[in-house]
Structures are given as structure tokens and as C-alpha cells.
Amino acid sequence: MAKRDYYEVLGVEKGADENKIKKAYRKKAMKYHPDQNPDNKEAEEKFKEAAEAYDVLSDANKRARYDQMGHRAFEQGGGFGGGAGGMTMEDIMEQFGGMFGGGAGGSFFGGGGGARRQPRGERGSNLRIKVSLTLEEIAAGVTKRIKVKRQKECGTCDGSGAKDASSVSTCTTCGGAGVVRQVRSTFLGQMATTTTCPTCTGSGKMIKANCGTCKGEGRVYDEDTIEVNIPAGVEEGQQLSMRGKGNAGRRGGPAGDLLINIEEKPHEFLQRDGQKLIYDLHLNFADAALGTSVEVPTITGKVKIKIPAGTQSGKIFRLRGKGLPALQAYGTGDQLIHVNLWTPKKLTKEETSLLEQMREMDNFKPKLEKGDKGFFERMKEYFS
């Protein structure tokens, strides 16, 4: 597809001055910015087209060549490459400013100095810890104060790694940008890549004399107490992340993250299955046959439930809402009470005589009534 005239793209006359060109580009860029037009390929292309036009018309030399030769002036490279294909969207944002919300390009869209990338330095490594929680803590959520040994910013040099201000100079490789940019020609056209500067590792600075405390690293090992907020409903094996709470970056680089692995402490009475809690209730034969009331433990204290006469072994009772909450969602699980009949291992003569009499009675012979469900059917029903 033939390229449109750059003046036409920005909507300005051929003799427009620098301020009019800048104002026109700003208007176009604001209108077609990706943040304002998410997932809109047409708007993205117009944004790139406006950036390409502004790159040429805002530069006196490029503009003169364009006025003389048109798009042919850039077909063999030079400047913006005669097309936005040589730069990524991020490159465009960084060079011309935008609404990215970082240090990139703030000058064009509302003040700030320079359109070069803010040097960030070498990022610190992530730090991993394990946090063991009780079911009660998981049910309610909890804040833990945890001591960790990690690399922190050096207090002597404020993370710079330098002995003093006079020991710091701008990196000669990247000019203080923290990144180096390379443009190479491929069969797809000019391709631009931006990588961290190998000389200053992204800090944009070179140090002549190191800080005596951190030996030029900009960070030191120290013990730190961190408050970790654990939301209700977490599970064994889940991993939470706290941004910027890991090891400090080298020479002022951004800190890594703190990764928190969740472990569940075994409960004395309850077992967990997702949001459900399971309790094994052991009843003697008399209580199951005659019926009774019993107390059962829950994560919020004991509750009394009624056992109807004739309760069978394997019966499952449900306590609604006595389970665990879902992580970052609504609703709470139930507690299931699984009935087990307890059989004594040793009997007295009197107990043996009584049971011998009962064994011969017709009512004590097992009779499966129509509609009775087996254990697996009942479990499937309650867990579905």
C-alpha cells in the first residue's frame, strides 16, 4: 500500500512551523493511542503512521530531504526508516512520549525532561519463603510478621555503589540511557532491538571509586521484618507474591519479588477437601440405634448436632457454611460429618450375654431397605 503524504497524515500545511507540527502530532497521538483504543489494529496503525510522520517533519534535515525527494529519501534507511516497521510500539512510546505511565517519554505529553528511557539498573533476585498456616488462619485470613535475610539498599551510598557523588559519571557506552539500541536490515525491513547496556548493566552510570560499605554493589545483606497479608481461602502449595520485597537490585536497580509458598498445618480433628471440611464421628451402637446429641468440632468452635435413632454407619451429615471460604471469591464451603460405628474389642461376660441375645432377634438382622445408598454413592452425592 502506498504511503500517505506526511503533511496529510498530520493534517498540516507544507509550510507549517515546528510548533504547529508538534501540536498536530500530539492531537493525532492522543486520539489513536493504544491506551485509548485497546485491541484496535486500525488505530494502532494510525498511531504508528503519525509517529513516523512526526519523526521526519520535526527534524529539519529529514524534512528537507522529504520535501525534495518524498518517501524515496528514506527507502534505503535513515531516520525512522521510512516506515514504522523498523520500530516496535514500545520504541515509539519511548521516543515520542505517551501515556505509558513510567519514565518513558513524559516530555512530549506533559512536561518532564527528555524522551529517553529511565535507567533502571540490574534487577534483584526473587526471594522465596514458606509460611505454615492453621485451618483457623486459612479460614479467617491472617497477617504474619516474618523475619527474612535479604539484600537491602546500602544506607551509606543510598544504593548507588559509589564512594561519593564525584565518583559517579555518565556511562560512555549508552550515554546514561541504561540501554543500547541496534538497527539492522532484514528481509522484513529494518528491525530495531533495545537491550540493557552491558557496560553499566542498565544503571546509566559508571563508578570510579566504590562505596566502602557495599564494595560497589549498592546493597548489603541484612535481616528484615516483613508483614505478609495472607487472604482467606489459600491452599497448600499456592504461591503468593509481594512485588519489590525480594533482594535489592545492584546499584539502584529494582528489587525482586518475595514469593510466599503456603503450607497447611495438620488439624487435630478436621481434614480439608477444597472448601469442604470433613470430620469423622465415631458412635457406639447404642447411640446410633437410640439416637442422641453430640458435640462436634468446627474451625469456629464446637457445635451440637442431633443424631436420629437408627443412624447407619457411613451416614453423612452436613453443616452448611462451616467450611472454608473460596480464595478471592464469594461463598463458603460446608463441613461434612461422616458417621462411623465404634465396635468394642473386649467384652465383659454380661455384655457378651446381652449381645448374644440381641443377635438372635429378628430386628437386629441387617435389612437393606429400598432406596438405601451405599457409601460411595453417598460420598459422590455430597462432594458433587
Foldseek 3Di string as FASTA:
>chain_A
DDQDALCVLLVHDLPDDLVSLLVSLVVLLVVLPCVVPPPDVVSVQSNQSSLLSSQQCNDPVSSVQCVVPNLVSQCPHDGCSSGSPQDDPVRSCLQCNDDPPDQARPPSVDHDDDRFAQQFAFEADEAEDEDEDEQLCQQAWDKDWDKDKAKDFDPCARLQQEQDPVQKDFDPVCRLRQWDKDWDQDPVGIYIDIDGDPPRRRRRIDGRHGHPPVNSFRIDIDMDIDIDTGHHQDDAQDKDKDAQPHHGGGRRHGYGIYIYGYHYDDDPAWDDDRLEIEGEAEAEPVCQQCWDKDWDAASVGIDIDTRHHNHDQLDKDKAAQRTGAHPPDDDGGIYIYGYHYDDDPDDDPVRVVVVVVVVPDPVPDDDDDPPDDDNVVVVVVVVD
